[in-house]
N, C-alpha and C. Protein backbone atom coordinates (compact mmCIF):
# COMPACT_ATOMS: atom_id res chain seq x y z
N MET A 1 -2.62 -13.10 7.88
CA MET A 1 -3.01 -12.65 6.53
C MET A 1 -2.04 -11.61 6.00
N PHE A 2 -1.55 -10.72 6.87
CA PHE A 2 -0.68 -9.64 6.44
C PHE A 2 0.63 -9.74 7.20
N LYS A 3 1.41 -10.77 6.87
CA LYS A 3 2.67 -10.96 7.57
C LYS A 3 3.85 -10.56 6.70
N TRP A 4 4.65 -9.64 7.16
CA TRP A 4 5.88 -9.22 6.44
C TRP A 4 6.91 -10.33 6.51
N ASN A 5 7.63 -10.52 5.42
CA ASN A 5 8.79 -11.38 5.45
C ASN A 5 9.83 -10.85 4.49
N THR A 6 11.01 -11.39 4.51
CA THR A 6 12.12 -10.84 3.73
C THR A 6 11.91 -10.93 2.24
N ALA A 7 11.00 -11.75 1.81
CA ALA A 7 10.70 -11.81 0.35
C ALA A 7 10.19 -10.49 -0.19
N TYR A 8 9.61 -9.65 0.73
CA TYR A 8 9.10 -8.35 0.32
C TYR A 8 10.18 -7.28 0.32
N SER A 9 11.36 -7.54 0.85
CA SER A 9 12.38 -6.52 0.94
C SER A 9 12.86 -6.09 -0.44
N VAL A 10 12.92 -4.76 -0.66
CA VAL A 10 13.52 -4.27 -1.88
C VAL A 10 14.95 -3.84 -1.63
N GLY A 11 15.41 -3.96 -0.43
CA GLY A 11 16.79 -3.61 -0.08
C GLY A 11 17.05 -2.11 0.03
N ILE A 12 15.97 -1.35 0.21
CA ILE A 12 16.10 0.09 0.40
C ILE A 12 15.41 0.36 1.73
N GLY A 13 16.21 0.80 2.73
CA GLY A 13 15.72 0.91 4.07
C GLY A 13 14.43 1.66 4.27
N SER A 14 14.35 2.85 3.67
CA SER A 14 13.16 3.70 3.92
C SER A 14 11.94 3.03 3.30
N ILE A 15 12.08 2.42 2.18
CA ILE A 15 10.92 1.79 1.50
C ILE A 15 10.53 0.52 2.25
N ASP A 16 11.52 -0.30 2.63
CA ASP A 16 11.19 -1.49 3.37
C ASP A 16 10.48 -1.15 4.68
N ALA A 17 10.92 -0.10 5.39
CA ALA A 17 10.26 0.29 6.64
C ALA A 17 8.82 0.73 6.37
N GLN A 18 8.60 1.48 5.28
CA GLN A 18 7.23 1.89 4.97
C GLN A 18 6.39 0.70 4.57
N HIS A 19 6.94 -0.24 3.83
CA HIS A 19 6.18 -1.47 3.47
C HIS A 19 5.81 -2.23 4.74
N GLN A 20 6.72 -2.33 5.69
CA GLN A 20 6.41 -3.01 6.96
C GLN A 20 5.27 -2.31 7.68
N ASN A 21 5.29 -0.99 7.68
CA ASN A 21 4.19 -0.23 8.31
C ASN A 21 2.85 -0.47 7.58
N LEU A 22 2.88 -0.55 6.25
CA LEU A 22 1.68 -0.85 5.50
C LEU A 22 1.10 -2.22 5.90
N PHE A 23 1.98 -3.23 6.03
CA PHE A 23 1.53 -4.54 6.46
C PHE A 23 0.93 -4.46 7.89
N ALA A 24 1.60 -3.71 8.79
CA ALA A 24 1.07 -3.57 10.14
C ALA A 24 -0.31 -2.93 10.17
N MET A 25 -0.49 -1.93 9.35
CA MET A 25 -1.79 -1.24 9.30
C MET A 25 -2.85 -2.13 8.70
N ALA A 26 -2.51 -2.92 7.71
CA ALA A 26 -3.42 -3.85 7.13
C ALA A 26 -3.77 -4.93 8.14
N ARG A 27 -2.84 -5.38 8.98
CA ARG A 27 -3.10 -6.33 10.01
C ARG A 27 -4.09 -5.73 11.03
N GLU A 28 -3.88 -4.45 11.34
CA GLU A 28 -4.75 -3.76 12.26
C GLU A 28 -6.19 -3.68 11.75
N LEU A 29 -6.32 -3.42 10.44
CA LEU A 29 -7.66 -3.38 9.85
C LEU A 29 -8.29 -4.78 9.90
N HIS A 30 -7.52 -5.81 9.63
CA HIS A 30 -8.00 -7.18 9.67
C HIS A 30 -8.43 -7.57 11.09
N ALA A 31 -7.62 -7.18 12.07
CA ALA A 31 -7.93 -7.47 13.49
C ALA A 31 -9.20 -6.75 13.92
N ALA A 32 -9.32 -5.51 13.51
CA ALA A 32 -10.52 -4.75 13.86
C ALA A 32 -11.76 -5.37 13.27
N MET A 33 -11.66 -5.83 12.05
CA MET A 33 -12.79 -6.48 11.39
C MET A 33 -13.13 -7.78 12.11
N ALA A 34 -12.06 -8.57 12.38
CA ALA A 34 -12.30 -9.86 13.04
C ALA A 34 -12.87 -9.71 14.44
N ALA A 35 -12.56 -8.61 15.12
CA ALA A 35 -13.07 -8.37 16.48
C ALA A 35 -14.46 -7.77 16.44
N GLY A 36 -15.03 -7.53 15.24
CA GLY A 36 -16.34 -6.96 15.12
C GLY A 36 -16.48 -5.54 15.60
N GLN A 37 -15.35 -4.79 15.43
CA GLN A 37 -15.40 -3.39 15.82
C GLN A 37 -16.41 -2.63 14.95
N GLY A 38 -16.88 -1.55 15.48
CA GLY A 38 -17.91 -0.80 14.81
C GLY A 38 -17.41 -0.13 13.54
N LYS A 39 -18.39 0.31 12.72
CA LYS A 39 -18.12 0.93 11.43
C LYS A 39 -17.20 2.13 11.57
N ALA A 40 -17.45 2.95 12.60
CA ALA A 40 -16.63 4.16 12.77
C ALA A 40 -15.16 3.85 12.99
N GLN A 41 -14.91 2.83 13.85
CA GLN A 41 -13.51 2.42 14.12
C GLN A 41 -12.88 1.85 12.87
N LEU A 42 -13.60 1.02 12.14
CA LEU A 42 -13.06 0.43 10.89
C LEU A 42 -12.77 1.52 9.89
N ALA A 43 -13.67 2.49 9.80
CA ALA A 43 -13.46 3.59 8.86
C ALA A 43 -12.23 4.41 9.21
N ARG A 44 -12.00 4.66 10.52
CA ARG A 44 -10.82 5.41 10.96
C ARG A 44 -9.54 4.63 10.63
N THR A 45 -9.58 3.35 10.85
CA THR A 45 -8.39 2.48 10.54
C THR A 45 -8.11 2.49 9.06
N LEU A 46 -9.16 2.38 8.26
CA LEU A 46 -8.98 2.43 6.81
C LEU A 46 -8.48 3.78 6.37
N ASP A 47 -8.98 4.86 6.98
CA ASP A 47 -8.50 6.18 6.67
C ASP A 47 -6.99 6.32 6.92
N ARG A 48 -6.53 5.83 8.06
CA ARG A 48 -5.11 5.92 8.39
C ARG A 48 -4.29 5.12 7.35
N LEU A 49 -4.77 3.97 6.97
CA LEU A 49 -4.06 3.14 5.98
C LEU A 49 -3.98 3.92 4.64
N VAL A 50 -5.07 4.53 4.21
CA VAL A 50 -5.09 5.28 2.97
C VAL A 50 -4.12 6.46 3.04
N GLN A 51 -4.13 7.18 4.15
CA GLN A 51 -3.27 8.33 4.25
C GLN A 51 -1.79 7.92 4.25
N TYR A 52 -1.46 6.86 4.94
CA TYR A 52 -0.09 6.37 4.96
C TYR A 52 0.31 5.90 3.60
N THR A 53 -0.56 5.19 2.90
CA THR A 53 -0.26 4.70 1.56
C THR A 53 0.05 5.86 0.64
N SER A 54 -0.71 6.92 0.75
CA SER A 54 -0.48 8.11 -0.09
C SER A 54 0.88 8.70 0.13
N SER A 55 1.29 8.83 1.37
CA SER A 55 2.64 9.39 1.63
C SER A 55 3.73 8.41 1.19
N HIS A 56 3.49 7.13 1.31
CA HIS A 56 4.44 6.12 0.84
C HIS A 56 4.62 6.22 -0.69
N PHE A 57 3.49 6.30 -1.37
CA PHE A 57 3.56 6.41 -2.85
C PHE A 57 4.33 7.67 -3.25
N ALA A 58 4.07 8.78 -2.58
CA ALA A 58 4.78 10.02 -2.89
C ALA A 58 6.26 9.86 -2.68
N HIS A 59 6.68 9.16 -1.63
CA HIS A 59 8.07 8.91 -1.37
C HIS A 59 8.71 8.09 -2.50
N GLU A 60 8.06 6.98 -2.86
CA GLU A 60 8.56 6.15 -3.95
C GLU A 60 8.69 6.95 -5.26
N GLU A 61 7.63 7.67 -5.57
CA GLU A 61 7.67 8.44 -6.83
C GLU A 61 8.72 9.51 -6.83
N ARG A 62 8.97 10.12 -5.70
CA ARG A 62 10.03 11.15 -5.63
C ARG A 62 11.39 10.48 -5.93
N LEU A 63 11.65 9.34 -5.29
CA LEU A 63 12.89 8.62 -5.54
C LEU A 63 13.05 8.20 -6.99
N MET A 64 11.93 7.74 -7.59
CA MET A 64 11.98 7.32 -8.98
C MET A 64 12.30 8.51 -9.90
N ARG A 65 11.71 9.70 -9.59
CA ARG A 65 12.01 10.88 -10.41
C ARG A 65 13.48 11.29 -10.24
N LEU A 66 13.98 11.25 -9.02
CA LEU A 66 15.38 11.58 -8.77
C LEU A 66 16.35 10.65 -9.54
N ALA A 67 15.93 9.39 -9.65
CA ALA A 67 16.78 8.39 -10.32
C ALA A 67 16.48 8.33 -11.81
N ASP A 68 15.54 9.11 -12.28
CA ASP A 68 15.10 9.08 -13.70
C ASP A 68 14.73 7.65 -14.11
N TYR A 69 13.90 7.02 -13.28
CA TYR A 69 13.44 5.66 -13.52
C TYR A 69 12.59 5.62 -14.79
N PRO A 70 12.96 4.76 -15.75
CA PRO A 70 12.28 4.80 -17.04
C PRO A 70 10.84 4.33 -17.03
N ASP A 71 10.43 3.51 -16.06
CA ASP A 71 9.08 2.98 -16.00
C ASP A 71 8.21 3.69 -14.94
N ILE A 72 8.57 4.91 -14.63
CA ILE A 72 7.82 5.66 -13.61
C ILE A 72 6.36 5.86 -14.00
N ALA A 73 6.07 6.08 -15.24
CA ALA A 73 4.64 6.30 -15.64
C ALA A 73 3.79 5.07 -15.33
N ALA A 74 4.25 3.91 -15.66
CA ALA A 74 3.51 2.69 -15.37
C ALA A 74 3.37 2.45 -13.87
N HIS A 75 4.45 2.72 -13.15
CA HIS A 75 4.43 2.52 -11.70
C HIS A 75 3.46 3.51 -11.00
N THR A 76 3.51 4.75 -11.46
CA THR A 76 2.62 5.73 -10.90
C THR A 76 1.15 5.40 -11.23
N ALA A 77 0.91 4.87 -12.39
CA ALA A 77 -0.44 4.46 -12.79
C ALA A 77 -0.96 3.36 -11.87
N GLU A 78 -0.08 2.44 -11.47
CA GLU A 78 -0.49 1.40 -10.52
C GLU A 78 -0.89 2.05 -9.17
N HIS A 79 -0.09 3.03 -8.76
CA HIS A 79 -0.38 3.73 -7.50
C HIS A 79 -1.73 4.40 -7.59
N LYS A 80 -1.98 5.07 -8.70
CA LYS A 80 -3.27 5.77 -8.87
C LYS A 80 -4.44 4.81 -8.88
N ALA A 81 -4.25 3.66 -9.53
CA ALA A 81 -5.34 2.68 -9.63
C ALA A 81 -5.70 2.13 -8.23
N LEU A 82 -4.69 1.82 -7.43
CA LEU A 82 -4.95 1.33 -6.08
C LEU A 82 -5.66 2.41 -5.25
N THR A 83 -5.09 3.59 -5.32
CA THR A 83 -5.68 4.69 -4.54
C THR A 83 -7.13 4.90 -4.92
N GLN A 84 -7.44 4.88 -6.23
CA GLN A 84 -8.83 5.08 -6.64
C GLN A 84 -9.75 4.00 -6.17
N LYS A 85 -9.30 2.74 -6.22
CA LYS A 85 -10.15 1.64 -5.75
C LYS A 85 -10.48 1.78 -4.27
N VAL A 86 -9.42 2.16 -3.49
CA VAL A 86 -9.68 2.29 -2.06
C VAL A 86 -10.53 3.52 -1.75
N LEU A 87 -10.34 4.61 -2.50
CA LEU A 87 -11.17 5.79 -2.28
C LEU A 87 -12.65 5.49 -2.64
N ASP A 88 -12.83 4.75 -3.71
CA ASP A 88 -14.18 4.33 -4.09
C ASP A 88 -14.80 3.49 -2.99
N PHE A 89 -14.04 2.58 -2.45
CA PHE A 89 -14.50 1.77 -1.36
C PHE A 89 -14.88 2.61 -0.15
N GLN A 90 -14.03 3.58 0.19
CA GLN A 90 -14.34 4.47 1.33
C GLN A 90 -15.64 5.23 1.13
N LYS A 91 -15.90 5.68 -0.10
CA LYS A 91 -17.15 6.39 -0.36
C LYS A 91 -18.33 5.47 -0.15
N GLU A 92 -18.22 4.25 -0.61
CA GLU A 92 -19.28 3.27 -0.44
C GLU A 92 -19.51 2.97 1.05
N LEU A 93 -18.40 2.90 1.79
CA LEU A 93 -18.50 2.63 3.23
C LEU A 93 -19.20 3.80 3.94
N ALA A 94 -18.79 5.00 3.60
CA ALA A 94 -19.37 6.20 4.25
C ALA A 94 -20.85 6.33 3.91
N ALA A 95 -21.23 5.90 2.72
CA ALA A 95 -22.64 6.02 2.28
C ALA A 95 -23.47 4.85 2.81
N GLY A 96 -22.82 3.93 3.49
CA GLY A 96 -23.57 2.77 4.03
C GLY A 96 -23.86 1.70 3.05
N ARG A 97 -23.22 1.79 1.87
CA ARG A 97 -23.45 0.76 0.86
C ARG A 97 -22.41 -0.36 0.85
N ALA A 98 -21.44 -0.28 1.76
CA ALA A 98 -20.40 -1.32 1.86
C ALA A 98 -20.00 -1.48 3.29
N THR A 99 -19.35 -2.59 3.55
CA THR A 99 -18.76 -2.85 4.86
C THR A 99 -17.32 -3.30 4.62
N ILE A 100 -16.51 -3.27 5.66
CA ILE A 100 -15.19 -3.82 5.57
C ILE A 100 -15.41 -5.31 5.42
N SER A 101 -14.93 -5.85 4.31
CA SER A 101 -15.24 -7.23 3.98
C SER A 101 -13.98 -8.04 3.66
N VAL A 102 -14.16 -9.33 3.69
CA VAL A 102 -13.08 -10.22 3.34
C VAL A 102 -12.57 -9.90 1.94
N GLN A 103 -13.46 -9.51 1.02
CA GLN A 103 -13.03 -9.20 -0.34
C GLN A 103 -12.04 -7.99 -0.34
N LEU A 104 -12.33 -6.97 0.48
CA LEU A 104 -11.40 -5.84 0.57
C LEU A 104 -10.07 -6.29 1.11
N LEU A 105 -10.07 -7.08 2.16
CA LEU A 105 -8.83 -7.58 2.73
C LEU A 105 -8.05 -8.45 1.74
N GLN A 106 -8.77 -9.27 0.99
CA GLN A 106 -8.09 -10.08 -0.03
C GLN A 106 -7.51 -9.21 -1.14
N PHE A 107 -8.25 -8.16 -1.52
CA PHE A 107 -7.73 -7.25 -2.52
C PHE A 107 -6.44 -6.57 -2.01
N LEU A 108 -6.46 -6.08 -0.76
CA LEU A 108 -5.24 -5.44 -0.22
C LEU A 108 -4.08 -6.43 -0.17
N ARG A 109 -4.38 -7.66 0.25
CA ARG A 109 -3.29 -8.65 0.35
C ARG A 109 -2.71 -8.98 -1.03
N SER A 110 -3.58 -9.20 -1.98
CA SER A 110 -3.14 -9.49 -3.35
C SER A 110 -2.34 -8.32 -3.91
N TRP A 111 -2.82 -7.12 -3.69
CA TRP A 111 -2.14 -5.97 -4.25
C TRP A 111 -0.79 -5.77 -3.59
N LEU A 112 -0.70 -5.89 -2.26
CA LEU A 112 0.58 -5.76 -1.60
C LEU A 112 1.55 -6.78 -2.09
N ASP A 113 1.12 -8.05 -2.20
CA ASP A 113 1.98 -9.10 -2.68
C ASP A 113 2.46 -8.78 -4.09
N HIS A 114 1.59 -8.54 -5.00
CA HIS A 114 1.95 -8.33 -6.39
C HIS A 114 2.78 -7.06 -6.57
N HIS A 115 2.33 -5.95 -6.02
CA HIS A 115 2.98 -4.68 -6.26
C HIS A 115 4.41 -4.69 -5.68
N ILE A 116 4.56 -5.15 -4.45
CA ILE A 116 5.86 -5.12 -3.82
C ILE A 116 6.82 -6.13 -4.49
N GLN A 117 6.34 -7.33 -4.68
CA GLN A 117 7.24 -8.38 -5.21
C GLN A 117 7.52 -8.28 -6.71
N HIS A 118 6.75 -7.46 -7.42
CA HIS A 118 7.02 -7.36 -8.84
C HIS A 118 7.40 -5.93 -9.24
N SER A 119 6.45 -5.00 -9.06
CA SER A 119 6.69 -3.61 -9.48
C SER A 119 7.79 -2.92 -8.68
N ASP A 120 7.72 -3.06 -7.35
CA ASP A 120 8.69 -2.39 -6.49
C ASP A 120 10.08 -3.06 -6.66
N GLN A 121 10.09 -4.34 -6.75
CA GLN A 121 11.38 -5.06 -6.94
C GLN A 121 12.02 -4.61 -8.24
N ALA A 122 11.20 -4.21 -9.23
CA ALA A 122 11.74 -3.82 -10.54
C ALA A 122 12.50 -2.49 -10.44
N TYR A 123 12.04 -1.55 -9.65
CA TYR A 123 12.74 -0.25 -9.58
C TYR A 123 13.89 -0.23 -8.63
N ALA A 124 13.95 -1.14 -7.70
CA ALA A 124 14.98 -1.13 -6.67
C ALA A 124 16.42 -1.11 -7.24
N PRO A 125 16.77 -1.97 -8.20
CA PRO A 125 18.14 -1.89 -8.70
C PRO A 125 18.45 -0.55 -9.33
N HIS A 126 17.47 0.03 -10.02
CA HIS A 126 17.71 1.33 -10.68
C HIS A 126 17.97 2.42 -9.66
N LEU A 127 17.20 2.44 -8.59
CA LEU A 127 17.38 3.44 -7.54
C LEU A 127 18.73 3.28 -6.86
N LYS A 128 19.14 2.02 -6.63
CA LYS A 128 20.45 1.78 -5.99
C LYS A 128 21.59 2.22 -6.91
N THR A 129 21.48 1.91 -8.20
CA THR A 129 22.53 2.27 -9.16
C THR A 129 22.61 3.81 -9.25
N ALA A 130 21.49 4.46 -9.25
CA ALA A 130 21.47 5.94 -9.35
C ALA A 130 21.88 6.60 -8.03
N LYS A 131 21.99 5.79 -7.00
CA LYS A 131 22.45 6.27 -5.67
C LYS A 131 21.58 7.39 -5.10
N VAL A 132 20.27 7.22 -5.28
CA VAL A 132 19.34 8.20 -4.66
C VAL A 132 18.87 7.74 -3.32
N VAL A 133 19.26 6.54 -2.89
CA VAL A 133 18.85 6.01 -1.62
C VAL A 133 20.04 5.78 -0.74
């Protein structure tokens, strides 16, 4: 479900490596869910994914600022929207009103596909031209 391939590459080493880690963490969450691991383990795995995503977004946004990327506001808004959805889900999980579900995994998969292959691919040439990477 969360398999990295070269179609996701933006051609920027640090970002590609972080994207590969995001896919690996999403695979770990999927495997934990499929193995029927307990709520506490699933919550810890999701927490690690959220924390890593936050540092990844900060890295991307820093590079976009350094390169004076013209669409940084829209890109940052996408980051905030994803972060908020996942934080909302975490709150529901902690309150016992949600479980790690196929819908969450499908949301993560769809978001990774769309965001990396469209939004991230859009900034890559600008960052390379600006030589901030």
